[in-house]
């Protein structure tokens, strides 16, 4: 597809950061989420040569973990940055650590399911996307994953309409919005989405 969601508000990420969310990645080799750059910048997760890769502050980190096992199903992806240190989590489990990330600030807006300012798109869905200007601990990342798994199970068990997150093509502009009966507030504090 050729639709995206953009996130206009919030702070630029620099030294400490966490990006986390549930993605149902169907196809595409570009990024699940990227800042408004066409080179370098911040790229949450993308397929580089068949492997899960992230780029933080202009520095890329290849995990060596294949993308294929995570396609066509809901997966919880989290990337944390603490100074130069980077960690990647899949479904609440730490799968990669690296060092050498810079402190170049992300450029707003964020593009979800699109490769930043370029024309590449991902096909899929997103839910419970979070951006923090602090580094979550491994315990906090696992709690996010478990909360999402519990919610997905409750929805499935109740046979209710699944909560799929923001609609692709929707733009968040402002500090308050409602989605599927849930209210969200972007506070401008440490946890802003």
N, C-alpha and C. Protein backbone atom coordinates (compact mmCIF):
# COMPACT_ATOMS: atom_id res chain seq x y z
N UNK A 1 0.80 -1.18 0.00
CA UNK A 1 0.00 0.00 0.00
C UNK A 1 0.85 1.25 0.00
N UNK A 2 0.23 2.37 -0.17
CA UNK A 2 0.95 3.64 -0.18
C UNK A 2 0.34 4.61 0.80
N UNK A 3 -0.06 4.12 1.96
CA UNK A 3 -0.58 5.00 2.98
C UNK A 3 0.28 4.91 4.21
N UNK A 4 0.25 5.96 4.99
CA UNK A 4 1.05 6.02 6.20
C UNK A 4 0.28 6.75 7.28
N UNK A 5 0.82 6.70 8.48
CA UNK A 5 0.35 7.51 9.58
C UNK A 5 1.53 8.39 9.96
N UNK A 6 1.28 9.67 10.22
CA UNK A 6 2.35 10.54 10.69
C UNK A 6 2.04 11.01 12.10
N UNK A 7 3.08 11.19 12.88
CA UNK A 7 2.97 11.70 14.24
C UNK A 7 3.68 13.04 14.27
N UNK A 8 2.89 14.11 14.38
CA UNK A 8 3.42 15.47 14.29
C UNK A 8 3.98 15.98 15.62
N UNK A 9 3.37 15.60 16.74
CA UNK A 9 3.71 16.18 18.03
C UNK A 9 4.80 15.42 18.75
N UNK A 10 5.19 15.96 19.88
CA UNK A 10 6.19 15.31 20.72
C UNK A 10 7.55 15.96 20.62
N UNK A 11 8.49 15.38 21.33
CA UNK A 11 9.86 15.88 21.35
C UNK A 11 10.72 15.08 20.39
N UNK A 12 11.80 15.71 19.92
CA UNK A 12 12.81 14.98 19.16
C UNK A 12 13.57 14.07 20.13
N UNK A 13 13.95 12.89 19.67
CA UNK A 13 14.73 11.96 20.48
C UNK A 13 16.22 12.23 20.27
N UNK A 14 17.01 12.07 21.32
CA UNK A 14 18.46 12.29 21.21
C UNK A 14 19.22 11.23 21.99
N UNK A 15 19.63 11.56 23.22
CA UNK A 15 20.53 10.71 24.00
C UNK A 15 19.87 9.45 24.52
N UNK A 16 18.69 9.58 25.12
CA UNK A 16 17.98 8.44 25.69
C UNK A 16 16.61 8.34 25.03
N UNK A 17 16.23 7.12 24.66
CA UNK A 17 14.98 6.96 23.94
C UNK A 17 14.52 5.51 23.97
N UNK A 18 13.21 5.33 23.78
CA UNK A 18 12.61 4.02 23.56
C UNK A 18 11.50 4.18 22.55
N UNK A 19 11.46 3.27 21.58
CA UNK A 19 10.35 3.19 20.64
C UNK A 19 9.83 1.77 20.72
N UNK A 20 8.52 1.62 20.85
CA UNK A 20 7.95 0.31 21.08
C UNK A 20 6.57 0.23 20.44
N UNK A 21 6.22 -0.93 19.92
CA UNK A 21 4.90 -1.10 19.35
C UNK A 21 4.65 -2.49 18.84
N UNK A 22 3.38 -2.78 18.65
CA UNK A 22 2.93 -4.03 18.04
C UNK A 22 2.75 -3.79 16.54
N UNK A 23 3.34 -4.63 15.73
CA UNK A 23 3.21 -4.52 14.28
C UNK A 23 2.83 -5.87 13.70
N UNK A 24 1.90 -5.83 12.75
CA UNK A 24 1.56 -6.99 11.92
C UNK A 24 2.16 -6.66 10.56
N UNK A 25 3.40 -7.08 10.35
CA UNK A 25 4.20 -6.75 9.18
C UNK A 25 3.92 -7.77 8.10
N UNK A 26 3.22 -7.35 7.04
CA UNK A 26 2.86 -8.27 5.96
C UNK A 26 3.92 -8.33 4.87
N UNK A 27 4.37 -7.17 4.42
CA UNK A 27 5.38 -7.15 3.35
C UNK A 27 6.03 -5.79 3.30
N UNK A 28 7.13 -5.72 2.59
CA UNK A 28 7.87 -4.47 2.40
C UNK A 28 9.21 -4.52 3.10
N UNK A 29 10.20 -3.93 2.47
CA UNK A 29 11.56 -3.96 3.02
C UNK A 29 11.98 -2.61 3.57
N UNK A 30 11.06 -1.66 3.65
CA UNK A 30 11.42 -0.36 4.23
C UNK A 30 11.07 -0.38 5.72
N UNK A 31 10.96 0.77 6.34
CA UNK A 31 10.89 0.85 7.79
C UNK A 31 9.47 0.76 8.34
N UNK A 32 9.37 0.17 9.55
CA UNK A 32 8.10 0.18 10.27
C UNK A 32 7.80 1.59 10.75
N UNK A 33 8.85 2.35 11.10
CA UNK A 33 8.68 3.73 11.51
C UNK A 33 10.01 4.46 11.33
N UNK A 34 9.92 5.70 10.85
CA UNK A 34 11.14 6.47 10.61
C UNK A 34 10.86 7.96 10.82
N UNK A 35 11.90 8.68 11.22
CA UNK A 35 11.75 10.13 11.33
C UNK A 35 11.72 10.73 9.92
N UNK A 36 11.60 12.04 9.83
CA UNK A 36 11.42 12.71 8.54
C UNK A 36 12.78 12.99 7.87
N UNK A 37 13.52 11.92 7.62
CA UNK A 37 14.79 12.03 6.93
C UNK A 37 14.77 11.11 5.72
N UNK A 38 15.68 11.36 4.79
CA UNK A 38 15.82 10.47 3.64
C UNK A 38 17.15 9.74 3.68
N UNK A 39 18.04 10.14 4.56
CA UNK A 39 19.28 9.40 4.80
C UNK A 39 19.67 9.60 6.25
N UNK A 40 20.43 8.65 6.78
CA UNK A 40 20.82 8.67 8.19
C UNK A 40 19.58 8.72 9.07
N UNK A 41 19.52 9.62 10.04
CA UNK A 41 18.33 9.77 10.87
C UNK A 41 18.05 8.58 11.77
N UNK A 42 16.77 8.45 12.13
CA UNK A 42 16.27 7.41 13.03
C UNK A 42 15.32 6.50 12.26
N UNK A 43 15.59 5.21 12.27
CA UNK A 43 14.73 4.21 11.64
C UNK A 43 14.45 3.14 12.70
N UNK A 44 13.20 3.04 13.11
CA UNK A 44 12.83 2.13 14.20
C UNK A 44 13.23 0.69 13.88
N UNK A 45 12.64 0.09 12.90
CA UNK A 45 12.95 -1.29 12.48
C UNK A 45 12.79 -1.35 10.97
N UNK A 46 13.74 -2.01 10.29
CA UNK A 46 13.56 -2.26 8.87
C UNK A 46 14.26 -3.55 8.46
N UNK A 47 13.91 -4.02 7.27
CA UNK A 47 14.46 -5.24 6.70
C UNK A 47 15.67 -4.86 5.86
N UNK A 48 16.85 -5.23 6.34
CA UNK A 48 18.08 -4.98 5.60
C UNK A 48 18.71 -6.32 5.25
N UNK A 49 18.60 -6.70 3.99
CA UNK A 49 19.17 -7.97 3.55
C UNK A 49 18.54 -9.17 4.22
N UNK A 50 17.27 -9.06 4.58
CA UNK A 50 16.56 -10.17 5.22
C UNK A 50 16.68 -10.19 6.73
N UNK A 51 17.38 -9.20 7.31
CA UNK A 51 17.58 -9.16 8.76
C UNK A 51 16.95 -7.93 9.39
N UNK A 52 16.53 -8.08 10.64
CA UNK A 52 15.97 -6.97 11.40
C UNK A 52 17.10 -6.01 11.76
N UNK A 53 16.91 -4.74 11.40
CA UNK A 53 17.94 -3.71 11.59
C UNK A 53 17.27 -2.47 12.18
N UNK A 54 18.03 -1.70 12.94
CA UNK A 54 17.57 -0.42 13.45
C UNK A 54 18.63 0.63 13.18
N UNK A 55 18.23 1.88 13.12
CA UNK A 55 19.19 2.98 12.98
C UNK A 55 18.79 4.06 13.98
N UNK A 56 19.73 4.41 14.85
CA UNK A 56 19.48 5.43 15.86
C UNK A 56 20.52 6.53 15.71
N UNK A 57 20.06 7.75 15.54
CA UNK A 57 20.95 8.92 15.43
C UNK A 57 21.99 8.74 14.33
N UNK A 58 21.56 8.15 13.21
CA UNK A 58 22.43 8.03 12.06
C UNK A 58 23.33 6.81 12.03
N UNK A 59 23.28 5.94 13.04
CA UNK A 59 24.14 4.75 13.10
C UNK A 59 23.25 3.51 13.02
N UNK A 60 23.57 2.60 12.08
CA UNK A 60 22.77 1.39 11.88
C UNK A 60 23.30 0.23 12.71
N UNK A 61 22.36 -0.60 13.17
CA UNK A 61 22.68 -1.78 13.97
C UNK A 61 21.93 -2.97 13.40
N UNK A 62 22.65 -3.91 12.78
CA UNK A 62 22.05 -5.12 12.26
C UNK A 62 22.02 -6.19 13.34
N UNK A 63 20.86 -6.76 13.58
CA UNK A 63 20.73 -7.75 14.65
C UNK A 63 21.19 -9.14 14.23
N UNK A 64 21.23 -9.41 12.92
CA UNK A 64 21.53 -10.75 12.45
C UNK A 64 20.35 -11.70 12.58
N UNK A 65 19.20 -11.18 12.99
CA UNK A 65 17.99 -11.98 13.16
C UNK A 65 17.13 -11.82 11.92
N UNK A 66 16.73 -12.92 11.34
CA UNK A 66 15.92 -12.89 10.13
C UNK A 66 14.55 -12.27 10.33
N UNK A 67 14.07 -11.59 9.30
CA UNK A 67 12.76 -10.95 9.33
C UNK A 67 11.64 -11.97 9.14
N UNK A 68 11.85 -12.95 8.26
CA UNK A 68 10.77 -13.85 7.84
C UNK A 68 9.97 -14.48 8.98
N UNK A 69 10.59 -14.96 10.07
CA UNK A 69 9.78 -15.57 11.14
C UNK A 69 8.81 -14.59 11.81
N UNK A 70 8.99 -13.29 11.61
CA UNK A 70 8.16 -12.29 12.27
C UNK A 70 7.14 -11.66 11.33
N UNK A 71 7.11 -12.07 10.08
CA UNK A 71 6.13 -11.56 9.13
C UNK A 71 4.79 -12.26 9.31
N UNK A 72 3.72 -11.55 8.95
CA UNK A 72 2.36 -12.10 8.92
C UNK A 72 1.86 -12.60 10.26
N UNK A 73 2.29 -11.91 11.32
CA UNK A 73 1.76 -12.16 12.65
C UNK A 73 2.10 -10.96 13.53
N UNK A 74 1.33 -10.78 14.60
CA UNK A 74 1.59 -9.67 15.50
C UNK A 74 2.89 -9.93 16.26
N UNK A 75 3.76 -8.94 16.24
CA UNK A 75 5.05 -9.01 16.95
C UNK A 75 5.25 -7.69 17.69
N UNK A 76 5.75 -7.80 18.90
CA UNK A 76 6.06 -6.61 19.70
C UNK A 76 7.55 -6.29 19.52
N UNK A 77 7.82 -5.12 18.92
CA UNK A 77 9.19 -4.66 18.68
C UNK A 77 9.48 -3.50 19.64
N UNK A 78 10.66 -3.52 20.26
CA UNK A 78 11.11 -2.41 21.09
C UNK A 78 12.59 -2.17 20.83
N UNK A 79 12.95 -0.90 20.69
CA UNK A 79 14.35 -0.49 20.57
C UNK A 79 14.58 0.56 21.64
N UNK A 80 15.68 0.38 22.41
CA UNK A 80 16.04 1.38 23.43
C UNK A 80 17.42 1.94 23.12
N UNK A 81 17.62 3.18 23.55
CA UNK A 81 18.92 3.86 23.40
C UNK A 81 19.24 4.54 24.72
N UNK A 82 20.42 4.26 25.23
CA UNK A 82 20.92 4.90 26.45
C UNK A 82 22.32 5.40 26.13
N UNK A 83 22.43 6.69 25.80
CA UNK A 83 23.71 7.22 25.34
C UNK A 83 24.10 6.53 24.04
N UNK A 84 25.22 5.86 24.02
CA UNK A 84 25.70 5.16 22.83
C UNK A 84 25.19 3.72 22.75
N UNK A 85 24.56 3.22 23.83
CA UNK A 85 24.14 1.83 23.91
C UNK A 85 22.75 1.62 23.33
N UNK A 86 22.61 0.53 22.58
CA UNK A 86 21.36 0.20 21.89
C UNK A 86 20.94 -1.22 22.27
N UNK A 87 19.63 -1.42 22.45
CA UNK A 87 19.10 -2.76 22.71
C UNK A 87 17.85 -2.95 21.86
N UNK A 88 17.70 -4.16 21.31
CA UNK A 88 16.53 -4.52 20.52
C UNK A 88 15.85 -5.69 21.22
N UNK A 89 14.52 -5.57 21.38
CA UNK A 89 13.71 -6.60 22.00
C UNK A 89 12.64 -7.06 21.01
N UNK A 90 12.41 -8.37 20.97
CA UNK A 90 11.31 -8.94 20.20
C UNK A 90 10.41 -9.70 21.16
N UNK A 91 9.15 -9.35 21.19
CA UNK A 91 8.18 -9.98 22.08
C UNK A 91 8.67 -10.00 23.53
N UNK A 92 9.25 -8.86 23.96
CA UNK A 92 9.67 -8.69 25.34
C UNK A 92 11.01 -9.29 25.70
N UNK A 93 11.68 -9.94 24.74
CA UNK A 93 12.95 -10.61 25.00
C UNK A 93 14.10 -9.83 24.35
N UNK A 94 15.15 -9.56 25.13
CA UNK A 94 16.33 -8.89 24.59
C UNK A 94 17.01 -9.82 23.59
N UNK A 95 17.17 -9.37 22.34
CA UNK A 95 17.76 -10.21 21.30
C UNK A 95 19.04 -9.62 20.72
N UNK A 96 19.33 -8.35 21.04
CA UNK A 96 20.52 -7.71 20.47
C UNK A 96 20.94 -6.53 21.34
N UNK A 97 22.25 -6.37 21.51
CA UNK A 97 22.80 -5.16 22.11
C UNK A 97 23.96 -4.69 21.25
N UNK A 98 24.15 -3.39 21.21
CA UNK A 98 25.25 -2.80 20.46
C UNK A 98 25.62 -1.47 21.08
N UNK A 99 26.72 -0.91 20.62
CA UNK A 99 27.15 0.39 21.10
C UNK A 99 27.68 1.21 19.93
N UNK A 100 27.70 2.52 20.10
CA UNK A 100 28.20 3.40 19.05
C UNK A 100 27.17 4.33 18.46
N UNK A 101 25.96 4.36 19.05
CA UNK A 101 24.92 5.27 18.54
C UNK A 101 25.33 6.71 18.83
N UNK A 102 25.02 7.59 17.89
CA UNK A 102 25.29 9.01 18.07
C UNK A 102 24.18 9.68 18.85
N UNK A 103 24.19 11.00 18.88
CA UNK A 103 23.15 11.75 19.59
C UNK A 103 22.45 12.75 18.68
N UNK A 104 22.49 12.53 17.37
CA UNK A 104 21.77 13.39 16.44
C UNK A 104 20.28 13.28 16.71
N UNK A 105 19.62 14.41 16.83
CA UNK A 105 18.19 14.42 17.16
C UNK A 105 17.35 13.89 16.00
N UNK A 106 16.26 13.21 16.35
CA UNK A 106 15.29 12.78 15.33
C UNK A 106 14.62 14.02 14.76
N UNK A 107 14.13 13.89 13.53
CA UNK A 107 13.48 15.00 12.82
C UNK A 107 12.00 14.68 12.69
N UNK A 108 11.15 15.53 13.27
CA UNK A 108 9.70 15.32 13.19
C UNK A 108 9.16 15.76 11.84
N UNK A 109 8.08 15.16 11.35
CA UNK A 109 7.24 14.17 12.00
C UNK A 109 7.81 12.76 11.85
N UNK A 110 7.25 11.84 12.66
CA UNK A 110 7.52 10.43 12.50
C UNK A 110 6.59 9.88 11.43
N UNK A 111 7.10 8.97 10.62
CA UNK A 111 6.30 8.30 9.59
C UNK A 111 6.17 6.83 9.97
N UNK A 112 4.94 6.37 10.14
CA UNK A 112 4.68 4.98 10.51
C UNK A 112 4.27 4.24 9.25
N UNK A 113 4.90 3.12 8.99
CA UNK A 113 4.66 2.27 7.82
C UNK A 113 5.17 2.94 6.53
N UNK A 114 6.07 3.90 6.67
CA UNK A 114 6.67 4.57 5.52
C UNK A 114 8.11 4.89 5.84
N UNK A 115 8.94 4.90 4.81
CA UNK A 115 10.37 5.12 4.96
C UNK A 115 10.71 6.60 5.02
N UNK A 116 10.22 7.27 6.05
CA UNK A 116 10.54 8.68 6.26
C UNK A 116 10.10 9.56 5.11
N UNK A 117 11.02 10.42 4.66
CA UNK A 117 10.72 11.37 3.59
C UNK A 117 10.81 10.74 2.21
N UNK A 118 11.11 9.44 2.13
CA UNK A 118 11.20 8.75 0.83
C UNK A 118 9.87 8.08 0.52
N UNK A 119 9.80 7.35 -0.58
CA UNK A 119 8.51 6.81 -1.04
C UNK A 119 8.30 5.33 -0.72
N UNK A 120 9.14 4.69 0.08
CA UNK A 120 8.96 3.28 0.39
C UNK A 120 7.93 3.05 1.48
N UNK A 121 7.10 2.02 1.32
CA UNK A 121 6.02 1.73 2.27
C UNK A 121 6.09 0.28 2.75
N UNK A 122 5.51 0.05 3.92
CA UNK A 122 5.33 -1.28 4.49
C UNK A 122 3.83 -1.58 4.44
N UNK A 123 3.47 -2.82 4.20
CA UNK A 123 2.08 -3.24 4.27
C UNK A 123 1.88 -3.95 5.61
N UNK A 124 0.88 -3.51 6.37
CA UNK A 124 0.62 -4.13 7.65
C UNK A 124 -0.21 -3.25 8.55
N UNK A 125 -0.18 -3.55 9.84
CA UNK A 125 -0.96 -2.83 10.82
C UNK A 125 -0.09 -2.52 12.03
N UNK A 126 -0.51 -1.55 12.82
CA UNK A 126 0.24 -1.14 14.01
C UNK A 126 -0.73 -0.94 15.17
N UNK A 127 -0.27 -1.24 16.37
CA UNK A 127 -1.07 -1.04 17.57
C UNK A 127 -0.14 -0.68 18.72
N UNK A 128 -0.65 0.11 19.65
CA UNK A 128 0.04 0.48 20.88
C UNK A 128 1.46 0.98 20.63
N UNK A 129 1.59 1.89 19.70
CA UNK A 129 2.89 2.50 19.38
C UNK A 129 3.24 3.51 20.46
N UNK A 130 4.46 3.41 20.99
CA UNK A 130 4.89 4.30 22.07
C UNK A 130 6.27 4.86 21.76
N UNK A 131 6.44 6.14 22.09
CA UNK A 131 7.72 6.81 21.93
C UNK A 131 8.05 7.47 23.26
N UNK A 132 9.21 7.15 23.81
CA UNK A 132 9.63 7.70 25.10
C UNK A 132 10.95 8.44 24.91
N UNK A 133 11.12 9.53 25.62
CA UNK A 133 12.40 10.23 25.61
C UNK A 133 13.26 9.79 26.81
N UNK A 134 13.08 8.54 27.18
CA UNK A 134 13.91 7.91 28.20
C UNK A 134 14.11 6.45 27.82
N UNK A 135 15.07 5.82 28.45
CA UNK A 135 15.37 4.42 28.17
C UNK A 135 14.58 3.54 29.12
N UNK A 136 13.68 2.73 28.58
CA UNK A 136 12.95 1.79 29.42
C UNK A 136 13.88 0.65 29.83
N UNK A 137 13.66 0.12 31.02
CA UNK A 137 14.42 -1.04 31.49
C UNK A 137 13.88 -2.30 30.83
N UNK A 138 14.64 -3.40 30.93
CA UNK A 138 14.18 -4.68 30.39
C UNK A 138 12.88 -5.11 31.06
N UNK A 139 12.73 -4.82 32.34
CA UNK A 139 11.50 -5.15 33.07
C UNK A 139 10.31 -4.37 32.51
N UNK A 140 10.51 -3.08 32.21
CA UNK A 140 9.44 -2.26 31.65
C UNK A 140 9.06 -2.73 30.24
N UNK A 141 10.06 -3.12 29.45
CA UNK A 141 9.78 -3.62 28.09
C UNK A 141 8.96 -4.90 28.17
N UNK A 142 9.34 -5.80 29.06
CA UNK A 142 8.60 -7.05 29.22
C UNK A 142 7.17 -6.78 29.69
N UNK A 143 7.00 -5.79 30.57
CA UNK A 143 5.65 -5.44 31.03
C UNK A 143 4.79 -4.91 29.89
N UNK A 144 5.37 -4.09 29.00
CA UNK A 144 4.63 -3.61 27.83
C UNK A 144 4.17 -4.78 26.97
N UNK A 145 5.07 -5.72 26.72
CA UNK A 145 4.74 -6.90 25.92
C UNK A 145 3.61 -7.70 26.58
N UNK A 146 3.75 -7.97 27.88
CA UNK A 146 2.75 -8.77 28.58
C UNK A 146 1.39 -8.07 28.61
N UNK A 147 1.39 -6.76 28.78
CA UNK A 147 0.13 -6.01 28.77
C UNK A 147 -0.55 -6.15 27.41
N UNK A 148 0.21 -6.03 26.34
CA UNK A 148 -0.35 -6.18 24.99
C UNK A 148 -0.86 -7.57 24.74
N UNK A 149 -0.12 -8.60 25.18
CA UNK A 149 -0.57 -9.98 24.99
C UNK A 149 -1.85 -10.24 25.76
N UNK A 150 -1.95 -9.72 26.98
CA UNK A 150 -3.16 -9.89 27.79
C UNK A 150 -4.34 -9.22 27.10
N UNK A 151 -4.14 -8.00 26.61
CA UNK A 151 -5.21 -7.28 25.93
C UNK A 151 -5.66 -8.03 24.68
N UNK A 152 -4.69 -8.52 23.87
CA UNK A 152 -5.05 -9.26 22.66
C UNK A 152 -5.86 -10.50 23.01
N UNK A 153 -5.47 -11.21 24.07
CA UNK A 153 -6.19 -12.42 24.48
C UNK A 153 -7.61 -12.06 24.92
N UNK A 154 -7.76 -10.98 25.72
CA UNK A 154 -9.09 -10.58 26.18
C UNK A 154 -10.00 -10.23 25.00
N UNK A 155 -9.46 -9.54 24.01
CA UNK A 155 -10.25 -9.19 22.84
C UNK A 155 -10.66 -10.44 22.09
N UNK A 156 -9.70 -11.34 21.87
CA UNK A 156 -9.99 -12.58 21.14
C UNK A 156 -11.02 -13.42 21.90
N UNK A 157 -10.82 -13.56 23.22
CA UNK A 157 -11.73 -14.37 24.02
C UNK A 157 -13.14 -13.81 24.06
N UNK A 158 -13.27 -12.49 24.02
CA UNK A 158 -14.61 -11.89 24.09
C UNK A 158 -15.27 -11.82 22.72
N UNK A 159 -14.53 -12.19 21.68
CA UNK A 159 -15.01 -12.14 20.30
C UNK A 159 -15.38 -10.72 19.90
N UNK A 160 -14.79 -9.73 20.58
CA UNK A 160 -15.03 -8.32 20.26
C UNK A 160 -14.25 -7.96 19.00
N UNK A 161 -14.59 -6.83 18.43
CA UNK A 161 -13.84 -6.33 17.28
C UNK A 161 -12.40 -6.02 17.74
N UNK A 162 -11.40 -6.54 17.05
CA UNK A 162 -10.02 -6.30 17.47
C UNK A 162 -9.68 -4.82 17.44
N UNK A 163 -8.90 -4.41 18.42
CA UNK A 163 -8.38 -3.04 18.47
C UNK A 163 -7.11 -3.01 17.64
N UNK A 164 -7.14 -2.36 16.51
CA UNK A 164 -6.02 -2.38 15.58
C UNK A 164 -5.20 -1.11 15.61
N UNK A 165 -5.45 -0.19 16.48
CA UNK A 165 -4.64 1.01 16.56
C UNK A 165 -5.10 2.08 15.60
N UNK A 166 -4.22 3.01 15.33
CA UNK A 166 -4.55 4.12 14.45
C UNK A 166 -4.72 3.66 13.02
N UNK A 167 -5.61 4.30 12.32
CA UNK A 167 -5.81 3.97 10.92
C UNK A 167 -4.65 4.48 10.09
N UNK A 168 -4.21 3.69 9.15
CA UNK A 168 -3.17 4.13 8.25
C UNK A 168 -3.70 5.32 7.46
N UNK A 169 -2.89 6.34 7.33
CA UNK A 169 -3.31 7.55 6.66
C UNK A 169 -3.76 8.63 7.64
N UNK A 170 -3.88 8.28 8.92
CA UNK A 170 -4.34 9.22 9.93
C UNK A 170 -3.16 10.01 10.49
N UNK A 171 -3.35 11.28 10.72
CA UNK A 171 -2.31 12.14 11.28
C UNK A 171 -2.72 12.60 12.67
N UNK A 172 -1.80 12.49 13.62
CA UNK A 172 -2.03 13.01 14.96
C UNK A 172 -1.45 14.41 14.98
N UNK A 173 -2.26 15.39 15.23
CA UNK A 173 -1.79 16.77 15.29
C UNK A 173 -2.52 17.43 16.46
N UNK A 174 -1.85 17.58 17.55
CA UNK A 174 -2.45 18.09 18.76
C UNK A 174 -2.04 17.23 19.93
N UNK A 175 -2.63 17.48 21.08
CA UNK A 175 -2.21 16.73 22.25
C UNK A 175 -3.28 15.81 22.82
N UNK A 176 -4.45 15.71 22.19
CA UNK A 176 -5.51 14.86 22.70
C UNK A 176 -6.31 14.29 21.54
N UNK A 177 -6.59 12.99 21.59
CA UNK A 177 -7.43 12.39 20.57
C UNK A 177 -8.11 11.15 21.13
N UNK A 178 -9.18 10.72 20.46
CA UNK A 178 -9.91 9.52 20.84
C UNK A 178 -9.84 8.54 19.69
N UNK A 179 -9.67 7.26 20.04
CA UNK A 179 -9.57 6.21 19.03
C UNK A 179 -10.25 4.96 19.55
N UNK A 180 -11.22 4.46 18.81
CA UNK A 180 -11.94 3.23 19.18
C UNK A 180 -12.45 3.27 20.61
N UNK A 181 -12.91 4.44 21.06
CA UNK A 181 -13.45 4.57 22.40
C UNK A 181 -12.41 4.79 23.49
N UNK A 182 -11.13 4.80 23.13
CA UNK A 182 -10.06 5.05 24.10
C UNK A 182 -9.58 6.48 23.93
N UNK A 183 -9.31 7.16 25.05
CA UNK A 183 -8.80 8.52 24.99
C UNK A 183 -7.30 8.51 25.18
N UNK A 184 -6.59 9.34 24.41
CA UNK A 184 -5.14 9.44 24.48
C UNK A 184 -4.76 10.89 24.71
N UNK A 185 -3.73 11.11 25.51
CA UNK A 185 -3.22 12.45 25.79
C UNK A 185 -1.72 12.45 25.56
N UNK A 186 -1.22 13.36 24.72
CA UNK A 186 0.20 13.56 24.52
C UNK A 186 0.59 14.68 25.47
N UNK A 187 1.33 14.34 26.53
CA UNK A 187 1.58 15.29 27.60
C UNK A 187 2.81 16.15 27.37
N UNK A 188 3.70 15.74 26.49
CA UNK A 188 4.95 16.47 26.30
C UNK A 188 5.98 16.11 27.35
N UNK A 189 5.64 15.19 28.24
CA UNK A 189 6.59 14.73 29.25
C UNK A 189 7.45 13.61 28.70
N UNK A 190 7.98 12.79 29.56
CA UNK A 190 8.86 11.71 29.14
C UNK A 190 8.15 10.70 28.26
N UNK A 191 6.90 10.42 28.56
CA UNK A 191 6.14 9.44 27.81
C UNK A 191 5.11 10.19 26.99
N UNK A 192 5.34 10.30 25.68
CA UNK A 192 4.43 11.16 24.96
C UNK A 192 3.65 10.51 23.87
N UNK A 193 3.71 9.24 23.71
CA UNK A 193 2.81 8.61 22.75
C UNK A 193 2.70 7.15 23.09
